[in-house]
Structures are given as C-alpha cells and as structure tokens.
Amino acid sequence: MANIKSAKKRIDVIATKTERNKAIKSRVRTYVKKVDAAIAAGDKAAAQAALLEATSEIDKATSKGVYHKNYASRKVSRLSLAVNKMA
C-alpha cells in the first residue's frame, strides 16, 4: 500500500478512470452485440441502423481515449463489412 500522499491519490484516480473505461467498453460491446444479432437474424435494415449507433459509440469511446484510433477504425470496418455482406 502506498504511503505517500500523491501515490494514494493516483490509486484513487486510476480506480475512478478504470470504472469509467469499463462502463464505456461495456456500452460499446452492447451496441456491437446488437449489430451481430441483427446480422444473425438476417434483418439488413435493423443491422444498418444498429451499425450506425455502434459506430457512433465506438467513435465516442475513441475520442475519450478508451480505444486507440486504429483499433476503433478496424472495429468499424469489420462491422461494416459484415453488414454489407448481407444479401
């Protein structure tokens, strides 16, 4: 356990940021699951709508520093490809 005041503060700040990042990542995963579910159901219109929402959430998470921009770009690209491959 830390003894120095600044180290104790860092522990608290890191814990707060970790909780925030977990919540944001969980939210993104939920939206990605909605896209996957729409693809599995074969509903292209719903998949496109879900893709739009998921892309927005991924971009928000990236702007907050939760994801690296290349990771986010790859994630959006793969989701878009899956939706576009639908008949």
C-alpha atoms as a PDB file:
ATOM      1  CA  MET A   1       0.000   0.000   0.000  1.00  0.00           C
ATOM      2  CA  ALA A   2       1.200   3.485  -0.814  1.00  0.00           C
ATOM      3  CA  ASN A   3       2.444   5.747   1.973  1.00  0.00           C
ATOM      4  CA  ILE A   4       2.991   8.944   0.018  1.00  0.00           C
ATOM      5  CA  LYS A   5       0.009  11.253  -0.390  1.00  0.00           C
ATOM      6  CA  SER A   6       0.439  11.684  -4.151  1.00  0.00           C
ATOM      7  CA  ALA A   7       0.697   7.915  -4.642  1.00  0.00           C
ATOM      8  CA  LYS A   8      -2.519   7.406  -2.672  1.00  0.00           C
ATOM      9  CA  LYS A   9      -4.226   9.988  -4.860  1.00  0.00           C
ATOM     10  CA  ARG A  10      -3.010   8.258  -8.021  1.00  0.00           C
ATOM     11  CA  ILE A  11      -4.519   4.991  -6.776  1.00  0.00           C
ATOM     12  CA  ASP A  12      -7.890   6.708  -6.301  1.00  0.00           C
ATOM     13  CA  VAL A  13      -7.733   8.469  -9.680  1.00  0.00           C
ATOM     14  CA  ILE A  14      -6.756   5.271 -11.503  1.00  0.00           C
ATOM     15  CA  ALA A  15      -9.619   3.382  -9.844  1.00  0.00           C
ATOM     16  CA  THR A  16     -12.076   6.080 -10.960  1.00  0.00           C
ATOM     17  CA  LYS A  17     -10.762   6.045 -14.532  1.00  0.00           C
ATOM     18  CA  THR A  18     -10.832   2.239 -14.624  1.00  0.00           C
ATOM     19  CA  GLU A  19     -14.516   2.213 -13.668  1.00  0.00           C
ATOM     20  CA  ARG A  20     -15.293   4.841 -16.320  1.00  0.00           C
ATOM     21  CA  ASN A  21     -13.419   2.901 -19.005  1.00  0.00           C
ATOM     22  CA  LYS A  22     -15.182  -0.341 -18.035  1.00  0.00           C
ATOM     23  CA  ALA A  23     -18.570   1.337 -18.370  1.00  0.00           C
ATOM     24  CA  ILE A  24     -17.715   2.802 -21.772  1.00  0.00           C
ATOM     25  CA  LYS A  25     -16.313  -0.506 -23.086  1.00  0.00           C
ATOM     26  CA  SER A  26     -19.381  -2.354 -21.829  1.00  0.00           C
ATOM     27  CA  ARG A  27     -21.642   0.114 -23.640  1.00  0.00           C
ATOM     28  CA  VAL A  28     -19.687  -0.357 -26.882  1.00  0.00           C
ATOM     29  CA  ARG A  29     -19.873  -4.151 -26.567  1.00  0.00           C
ATOM     30  CA  THR A  30     -23.650  -3.920 -26.103  1.00  0.00           C
ATOM     31  CA  TYR A  31     -24.046  -1.935 -29.330  1.00  0.00           C
ATOM     32  CA  VAL A  32     -21.752  -4.327 -31.218  1.00  0.00           C
ATOM     33  CA  LYS A  33     -23.860  -7.261 -29.975  1.00  0.00           C
ATOM     34  CA  LYS A  34     -26.971  -5.532 -31.351  1.00  0.00           C
ATOM     35  CA  VAL A  35     -25.315  -5.364 -34.789  1.00  0.00           C
ATOM     36  CA  ASP A  36     -24.306  -9.035 -34.586  1.00  0.00           C
ATOM     37  CA  ALA A  37     -27.826 -10.040 -33.531  1.00  0.00           C
ATOM     38  CA  ALA A  38     -29.364  -8.150 -36.463  1.00  0.00           C
ATOM     39  CA  ILE A  39     -26.912  -9.830 -38.854  1.00  0.00           C
ATOM     40  CA  ALA A  40     -27.726 -13.260 -37.404  1.00  0.00           C
ATOM     41  CA  ALA A  41     -31.449 -12.529 -37.780  1.00  0.00           C
ATOM     42  CA  GLY A  42     -30.903 -11.521 -41.405  1.00  0.00           C
ATOM     43  CA  ASP A  43     -32.548  -8.117 -40.967  1.00  0.00           C
ATOM     44  CA  LYS A  44     -30.467  -5.757 -43.117  1.00  0.00           C
ATOM     45  CA  ALA A  45     -32.372  -2.592 -42.210  1.00  0.00           C
ATOM     46  CA  ALA A  46     -32.007  -3.254 -38.488  1.00  0.00           C
ATOM     47  CA  ALA A  47     -28.342  -4.161 -38.979  1.00  0.00           C
ATOM     48  CA  GLN A  48     -27.661  -0.879 -40.765  1.00  0.00           C
ATOM     49  CA  ALA A  49     -29.424   1.114 -38.048  1.00  0.00           C
ATOM     50  CA  ALA A  50     -27.539  -0.775 -35.332  1.00  0.00           C
ATOM     51  CA  LEU A  51     -24.273  -0.250 -37.227  1.00  0.00           C
ATOM     52  CA  LEU A  52     -24.852   3.497 -37.246  1.00  0.00           C
ATOM     53  CA  GLU A  53     -25.396   3.515 -33.470  1.00  0.00           C
ATOM     54  CA  ALA A  54     -22.435   1.209 -32.825  1.00  0.00           C
ATOM     55  CA  THR A  55     -20.141   3.355 -34.983  1.00  0.00           C
ATOM     56  CA  SER A  56     -21.190   6.425 -33.032  1.00  0.00           C
ATOM     57  CA  GLU A  57     -20.490   4.726 -29.693  1.00  0.00           C
ATOM     58  CA  ILE A  58     -17.096   3.461 -30.869  1.00  0.00           C
ATOM     59  CA  ASP A  59     -16.167   6.960 -32.052  1.00  0.00           C
ATOM     60  CA  LYS A  60     -17.232   8.458 -28.717  1.00  0.00           C
ATOM     61  CA  ALA A  61     -15.137   5.911 -26.815  1.00  0.00           C
ATOM     62  CA  THR A  62     -12.158   6.670 -29.059  1.00  0.00           C
ATOM     63  CA  SER A  63     -12.485  10.411 -28.524  1.00  0.00           C
ATOM     64  CA  LYS A  64     -12.441   9.799 -24.757  1.00  0.00           C
ATOM     65  CA  GLY A  65      -9.212   7.828 -25.065  1.00  0.00           C
ATOM     66  CA  VAL A  66     -10.686   4.431 -24.231  1.00  0.00           C
ATOM     67  CA  TYR A  67      -9.717   2.900 -27.596  1.00  0.00           C
ATOM     68  CA  HIS A  68      -6.828   3.605 -29.962  1.00  0.00           C
ATOM     69  CA  LYS A  69      -7.952   5.182 -33.233  1.00  0.00           C
ATOM     70  CA  ASN A  70      -6.651   2.265 -35.323  1.00  0.00           C
ATOM     71  CA  TYR A  71      -8.481  -0.248 -33.134  1.00  0.00           C
ATOM     72  CA  ALA A  72     -11.692   1.715 -33.499  1.00  0.00           C
ATOM     73  CA  SER A  73     -11.243   2.038 -37.244  1.00  0.00           C
ATOM     74  CA  ARG A  74     -10.655  -1.713 -37.592  1.00  0.00           C
ATOM     75  CA  LYS A  75     -13.699  -2.491 -35.444  1.00  0.00           C
ATOM     76  CA  VAL A  76     -15.974  -0.212 -37.505  1.00  0.00           C
ATOM     77  CA  SER A  77     -14.533  -1.565 -40.747  1.00  0.00           C
ATOM     78  CA  ARG A  78     -15.201  -5.190 -39.788  1.00  0.00           C
ATOM     79  CA  LEU A  79     -18.726  -4.430 -38.634  1.00  0.00           C
ATOM     80  CA  SER A  80     -19.442  -2.508 -41.858  1.00  0.00           C
ATOM     81  CA  LEU A  81     -18.064  -5.355 -43.944  1.00  0.00           C
ATOM     82  CA  ALA A  82     -20.297  -7.864 -42.142  1.00  0.00           C
ATOM     83  CA  VAL A  83     -23.384  -5.701 -42.673  1.00  0.00           C
ATOM     84  CA  ASN A  84     -22.539  -5.035 -46.331  1.00  0.00           C
ATOM     85  CA  LYS A  85     -22.074  -8.771 -46.992  1.00  0.00           C
ATOM     86  CA  MET A  86     -25.706  -9.416 -46.095  1.00  0.00           C
ATOM     87  CA  ALA A  87     -27.937 -10.363 -49.027  1.00  0.00           C
END
